[in-house]
Amino acid sequence: MKKRRPWRKVLYEDQDYPDNHVDKSFLEEMKKNLHTRTYKLRDVIWESGVVSQQISSVCIFASLFVYMEQDNLSPSTLLMISSALTLSGYLLYDLMDHGEAREKSGRTRMDDVKSMLLVLGCVLFFSPVLKNLTDTISTDTIYAMTAVMLGMNLLFHDYGTSAAIVSNSASLNSATFASVCLASRLPTAWHAFVTVIFAMQLFALLPALRQQIKAKLGLLHVLFTCCMVGVSAFLLYPLSLLMASLFVMIILDVTLLCPLWLVKLQDLKNNIHGPWDEAVITE
C-alpha cells in the first residue's frame, strides 16, 4: 500500500486527506483562560464604591424631596447648604486638578460663574412653568415616572467602564426629568426651583468631583463613600424603617456580597483558545 505523506496545516496544497482532518497535535495547541483577567477582592470592593455613591445620591434626592413635601425642610435651607457644599467641592476639584482641565477646555473661572448665573436665571425664570407643568397628570403616575427615570439614571451612569450602555447624557437627562416631575408636586415655584437646582448639583456636578477624588485621593474616596451612605441611611430612617433597611442591604450586597461572588467565580472560568479560533492578521 502506498504510504501517505504526513498531513500539514496548509491550504495552498492538495493533500490526500479529508477537509476536516486534524492530526494529534490539534489539541496540543489548546490553551485555557489565555486573556482572563483576575480580580482581587480588595480592588473590587474599592471599585464598588462608585456604585454605592450613585445609589446614595438617588436616595438623598428622593428623601429630601419627601422632607420638603412634608414641610419638614425649608427649600431656602436646602439651597444654602447645597450651595455651600457645591462651592467647597468646586474649590476642592480645582485644587486637585491643578488647572489641567481648565487648560484643556480653555475656560476661566469667570466663564464658570457666567454659566452658573445663566443656569440659575433660566431655572428661576421657568420655575412657575415647572410648578404647573404636570397638573393634568395623576400623582401616582408622576411617582412611577420618577422611579423609572431614577432607575435609568443608575443604569446609564458612568461607573468607570467602557460598556456600550454607559451614557452620561442619558443618565443626566433622566435625573433632570425626574427632578422636574417631583418639582411639579411641591407647593410653590420656589420649591420647584430649589429641587431642579439641587438635582443638577447632585447628578451633574458631584459625579465629576467623585471621579477626581477616586483618581487622586484613594483614602478620601473611601471616606466619601461611607459619608454618603451614612447620610442616606440617616435621611431614610425617619421616613421608613423598611426603606432604610432595604437601602443598607443593597449597599452591603453591592460592597461585599457581589465582589466576593465575582472573585469566587474566577475559578470557574474555562475559556479555551486554539487552532479553531478565527485567524487574525498580525503585523
Protein backbone atom coordinates (compact mmCIF):
# COMPACT_ATOMS: atom_id res chain seq x y z
CA MET A 1 0.00 0.00 0.00
CA LYS A 2 1.16 3.49 -0.78
CA LYS A 3 2.13 5.37 2.34
CA ARG A 4 0.51 8.80 2.62
CA ARG A 5 2.57 11.82 3.32
CA PRO A 6 2.16 13.41 6.77
CA TRP A 7 -0.63 15.94 6.98
CA ARG A 8 0.41 19.60 7.06
CA LYS A 9 -1.62 22.55 8.18
CA VAL A 10 -1.65 24.40 4.84
CA LEU A 11 -4.37 25.50 2.46
CA TYR A 12 -2.41 26.02 -0.74
CA GLU A 13 -1.58 22.32 -1.24
CA ASP A 14 -3.90 19.49 -2.27
CA GLN A 15 -3.32 16.75 0.30
CA ASP A 16 -4.72 13.22 0.38
CA TYR A 17 -6.80 13.93 3.48
CA PRO A 18 -10.41 15.00 4.12
CA ASP A 19 -11.05 18.71 4.57
CA ASN A 20 -11.91 18.24 8.23
CA HIS A 21 -8.85 16.17 9.06
CA VAL A 22 -6.68 17.09 12.04
CA ASP A 23 -3.66 15.31 13.47
CA LYS A 24 -2.66 14.51 17.05
CA SER A 25 -1.21 17.98 17.60
CA PHE A 26 -4.64 19.61 17.28
CA LEU A 27 -5.46 19.58 20.98
CA GLU A 28 -1.86 20.28 21.98
CA GLU A 29 -2.34 23.86 20.80
CA MET A 30 -5.34 24.39 23.07
CA LYS A 31 -4.86 26.99 25.79
CA LYS A 32 -7.22 27.84 28.60
CA ASN A 33 -8.02 31.27 30.04
CA LEU A 34 -5.46 32.93 27.81
CA HIS A 35 -6.71 36.51 28.27
CA THR A 36 -8.63 36.07 31.51
CA ARG A 37 -8.32 38.93 33.95
CA THR A 38 -8.05 38.06 37.63
CA TYR A 39 -9.52 40.30 40.30
CA LYS A 40 -8.52 40.91 43.89
CA LEU A 41 -11.27 41.26 46.45
CA ARG A 42 -9.84 44.49 47.83
CA ASP A 43 -9.78 46.12 44.39
CA VAL A 44 -13.33 45.04 43.55
CA ILE A 45 -14.65 46.39 46.86
CA TRP A 46 -12.83 49.66 46.26
CA GLU A 47 -14.33 50.00 42.77
CA SER A 48 -17.82 49.19 44.06
CA GLY A 49 -17.76 52.45 46.00
CA VAL A 50 -18.77 54.32 42.84
CA VAL A 51 -21.99 52.30 42.63
CA SER A 52 -22.73 52.87 46.31
CA GLN A 53 -22.19 56.61 45.87
CA GLN A 54 -24.65 56.84 42.97
CA ILE A 55 -27.29 54.81 44.79
CA SER A 56 -26.81 57.07 47.79
CA SER A 57 -27.23 60.16 45.59
CA VAL A 58 -30.60 58.89 44.37
CA CYS A 59 -31.74 58.12 47.91
CA ILE A 60 -30.62 61.52 49.20
CA PHE A 61 -32.51 63.29 46.42
CA ALA A 62 -35.71 61.32 46.99
CA SER A 63 -35.51 61.72 50.78
CA LEU A 64 -35.03 65.47 50.70
CA PHE A 65 -37.97 65.79 48.32
CA VAL A 66 -40.17 63.98 50.84
CA TYR A 67 -38.91 66.23 53.62
CA MET A 68 -39.81 69.33 51.60
CA GLU A 69 -43.19 67.90 50.63
CA GLN A 70 -43.99 67.24 54.30
CA ASP A 71 -42.81 70.77 55.16
CA ASN A 72 -40.04 69.40 57.38
CA LEU A 73 -37.33 71.11 55.34
CA SER A 74 -37.24 74.65 54.04
CA PRO A 75 -36.16 74.99 50.38
CA SER A 76 -34.06 78.01 51.32
CA THR A 77 -32.17 75.95 53.90
CA LEU A 78 -31.57 73.18 51.36
CA LEU A 79 -30.36 75.70 48.79
CA MET A 80 -27.92 77.32 51.21
CA ILE A 81 -26.47 74.02 52.40
CA SER A 82 -26.19 72.52 48.90
CA SER A 83 -24.66 75.72 47.51
CA ALA A 84 -22.07 75.83 50.28
CA LEU A 85 -21.16 72.18 49.65
CA THR A 86 -21.04 72.79 45.88
CA LEU A 87 -18.69 75.74 46.32
CA SER A 88 -16.46 73.64 48.60
CA GLY A 89 -16.46 70.82 46.07
CA TYR A 90 -15.62 73.25 43.26
CA LEU A 91 -12.60 74.56 45.15
CA LEU A 92 -11.51 71.03 46.07
CA TYR A 93 -11.80 69.90 42.44
CA ASP A 94 -9.75 72.89 41.29
CA LEU A 95 -7.13 72.16 43.93
CA MET A 96 -6.77 68.50 42.95
CA ASP A 97 -6.85 69.16 39.21
CA HIS A 98 -4.07 71.80 39.31
CA GLY A 99 -5.74 73.61 36.41
CA GLU A 100 -5.23 70.76 33.90
CA ALA A 101 -8.88 70.55 32.84
CA ARG A 102 -9.07 74.33 32.69
CA GLU A 103 -6.09 74.46 30.32
CA LYS A 104 -7.60 71.78 28.04
CA SER A 105 -11.02 73.42 27.85
CA GLY A 106 -9.76 76.99 27.74
CA ARG A 107 -12.34 78.04 30.33
CA THR A 108 -11.68 80.54 33.10
CA ARG A 109 -13.32 80.89 36.49
CA MET A 110 -15.27 83.82 35.11
CA ASP A 111 -16.69 81.51 32.43
CA ASP A 112 -17.82 79.13 35.17
CA VAL A 113 -19.51 81.99 37.03
CA LYS A 114 -21.31 83.10 33.86
CA SER A 115 -22.52 79.56 33.19
CA MET A 116 -23.76 79.26 36.77
CA LEU A 117 -25.67 82.55 36.58
CA LEU A 118 -27.18 81.55 33.23
CA VAL A 119 -28.42 78.22 34.58
CA LEU A 120 -29.79 79.81 37.76
CA GLY A 121 -31.56 82.51 35.78
CA CYS A 122 -33.13 80.08 33.31
CA VAL A 123 -34.36 77.69 36.01
CA LEU A 124 -35.70 80.57 38.10
CA PHE A 125 -37.50 82.04 35.10
CA PHE A 126 -39.16 78.74 34.19
CA SER A 127 -39.94 77.67 37.77
CA PRO A 128 -43.59 78.80 37.61
CA VAL A 129 -43.98 76.77 34.43
CA LEU A 130 -42.34 73.72 36.02
CA LYS A 131 -44.63 74.06 39.03
CA ASN A 132 -47.76 73.70 36.87
CA LEU A 133 -46.31 71.52 34.13
CA THR A 134 -47.94 68.24 35.17
CA ASP A 135 -51.18 69.38 36.77
CA THR A 136 -53.20 67.14 34.46
CA ILE A 137 -51.18 64.03 35.37
CA SER A 138 -52.02 61.99 38.46
CA THR A 139 -49.57 61.90 41.36
CA ASP A 140 -49.21 58.11 41.15
CA THR A 141 -48.16 58.40 37.50
CA ILE A 142 -45.67 61.12 38.41
CA TYR A 143 -44.10 58.97 41.10
CA ALA A 144 -43.95 55.98 38.77
CA MET A 145 -42.27 58.08 36.06
CA THR A 146 -39.81 59.41 38.65
CA ALA A 147 -38.91 55.89 39.79
CA VAL A 148 -38.30 54.81 36.19
CA MET A 149 -36.17 57.88 35.44
CA LEU A 150 -34.04 57.46 38.57
CA GLY A 151 -33.60 53.80 37.67
CA MET A 152 -32.39 54.86 34.22
CA ASN A 153 -30.00 57.27 35.88
CA LEU A 154 -28.47 54.36 37.79
CA LEU A 155 -28.45 52.17 34.68
CA PHE A 156 -26.76 54.62 32.29
CA HIS A 157 -24.39 56.24 34.78
CA ASP A 158 -20.66 56.07 34.08
CA TYR A 159 -19.15 53.86 36.77
CA GLY A 160 -15.72 53.83 35.15
CA THR A 161 -16.32 51.18 32.48
CA SER A 162 -16.39 51.40 28.69
CA ALA A 163 -19.64 49.45 28.22
CA ALA A 164 -21.95 50.38 25.37
CA ILE A 165 -24.81 51.10 27.78
CA VAL A 166 -22.89 53.91 29.50
CA SER A 167 -24.23 57.35 28.57
CA ASN A 168 -23.58 60.41 30.71
CA SER A 169 -26.12 62.46 28.78
CA ALA A 170 -28.87 59.84 29.18
CA SER A 171 -28.10 59.48 32.86
CA LEU A 172 -28.18 63.23 33.49
CA ASN A 173 -31.30 63.77 31.39
CA SER A 174 -33.11 61.04 33.29
CA ALA A 175 -32.26 62.64 36.63
CA THR A 176 -33.31 66.08 35.36
CA PHE A 177 -36.61 64.69 34.11
CA ALA A 178 -37.19 63.05 37.49
CA SER A 179 -36.49 66.33 39.28
CA VAL A 180 -38.97 68.18 37.05
CA CYS A 181 -41.61 65.55 37.79
CA LEU A 182 -41.11 65.84 41.54
CA ALA A 183 -40.83 69.64 41.44
CA SER A 184 -44.35 69.83 39.99
CA ARG A 185 -45.72 68.20 43.14
CA LEU A 186 -44.28 70.79 45.54
CA PRO A 187 -46.36 73.73 46.80
CA THR A 188 -44.52 76.76 45.35
CA ALA A 189 -42.37 77.77 42.39
CA TRP A 190 -39.51 78.39 44.81
CA HIS A 191 -39.68 74.73 45.86
CA ALA A 192 -39.54 73.73 42.20
CA PHE A 193 -36.53 75.96 41.59
CA VAL A 194 -34.58 74.53 44.53
CA THR A 195 -35.45 70.94 43.56
CA VAL A 196 -34.16 71.30 39.99
CA ILE A 197 -31.01 73.15 41.09
CA PHE A 198 -30.29 70.55 43.77
CA ALA A 199 -30.71 67.78 41.19
CA MET A 200 -28.16 69.48 38.92
CA GLN A 201 -25.71 69.83 41.79
CA LEU A 202 -26.19 66.21 42.81
CA PHE A 203 -26.28 64.49 39.42
CA ALA A 204 -24.26 66.82 37.17
CA LEU A 205 -21.54 68.37 39.34
CA LEU A 206 -20.98 65.81 42.08
CA PRO A 207 -20.01 62.89 39.75
CA ALA A 208 -17.13 64.95 38.34
CA LEU A 209 -15.83 65.61 41.85
CA ARG A 210 -16.23 61.96 42.79
CA GLN A 211 -14.20 60.82 39.78
CA GLN A 212 -11.45 63.28 40.64
CA ILE A 213 -11.36 62.13 44.27
CA LYS A 214 -11.24 58.49 43.20
CA ALA A 215 -8.35 59.16 40.80
CA LYS A 216 -6.26 61.38 43.09
CA LEU A 217 -7.16 60.55 46.71
CA GLY A 218 -7.95 56.89 47.33
CA LEU A 219 -8.49 57.19 51.09
CA LEU A 220 -10.79 60.18 50.67
CA HIS A 221 -12.78 58.13 48.13
CA VAL A 222 -13.48 55.51 50.80
CA LEU A 223 -14.38 58.13 53.40
CA PHE A 224 -16.60 59.95 50.92
CA THR A 225 -18.44 56.71 50.12
CA CYS A 226 -19.02 55.98 53.81
CA CYS A 227 -20.21 59.55 54.37
CA MET A 228 -22.75 59.40 51.52
CA VAL A 229 -24.05 56.00 52.64
CA GLY A 230 -24.36 57.26 56.22
CA VAL A 231 -26.22 60.41 55.18
CA SER A 232 -28.62 58.39 53.01
CA ALA A 233 -29.41 55.95 55.82
CA PHE A 234 -29.82 58.84 58.27
CA LEU A 235 -32.33 60.56 55.98
CA LEU A 236 -34.27 57.38 55.15
CA TYR A 237 -34.63 56.10 58.71
CA PRO A 238 -37.19 58.69 59.94
CA LEU A 239 -39.23 58.25 56.76
CA SER A 240 -39.37 54.47 56.61
CA LEU A 241 -37.53 51.83 58.58
CA LEU A 242 -38.23 49.35 55.79
CA MET A 243 -36.68 51.60 53.12
CA ALA A 244 -33.66 52.33 55.33
CA SER A 245 -33.15 48.59 55.96
CA LEU A 246 -33.54 47.81 52.26
CA PHE A 247 -31.01 50.51 51.39
CA VAL A 248 -28.46 49.12 53.86
CA MET A 249 -28.97 45.61 52.47
CA ILE A 250 -28.45 46.84 48.89
CA ILE A 251 -25.25 48.64 49.88
CA LEU A 252 -23.94 45.55 51.68
CA ASP A 253 -24.73 43.42 48.64
CA VAL A 254 -23.02 45.85 46.26
CA THR A 255 -19.99 46.39 48.51
CA LEU A 256 -19.38 42.93 49.95
CA LEU A 257 -21.55 40.15 48.54
CA CYS A 258 -21.23 40.92 44.81
CA PRO A 259 -17.42 41.48 44.89
CA LEU A 260 -16.96 38.26 46.86
CA TRP A 261 -19.18 36.41 44.39
CA LEU A 262 -17.23 37.83 41.43
CA VAL A 263 -13.88 36.79 42.90
CA LYS A 264 -15.14 33.28 43.67
CA LEU A 265 -16.45 32.85 40.13
CA GLN A 266 -12.98 33.45 38.69
CA ASP A 267 -12.02 29.86 39.48
CA LEU A 268 -14.89 28.60 37.31
CA LYS A 269 -13.73 30.33 34.15
CA ASN A 270 -12.82 27.94 31.35
CA ASN A 271 -12.26 29.87 28.14
CA ILE A 272 -10.45 27.77 25.55
CA HIS A 273 -8.33 29.03 22.69
CA GLY A 274 -6.78 27.03 19.90
CA PRO A 275 -6.36 26.50 16.15
CA TRP A 276 -10.13 26.58 15.67
CA ASP A 277 -10.26 30.28 16.52
CA GLU A 278 -10.75 32.77 13.72
CA ALA A 279 -7.45 33.76 12.16
CA VAL A 280 -6.19 37.25 13.00
CA ILE A 281 -3.69 39.10 10.82
CA THR A 282 -0.80 40.42 12.87
CA GLU A 283 1.96 42.70 11.69
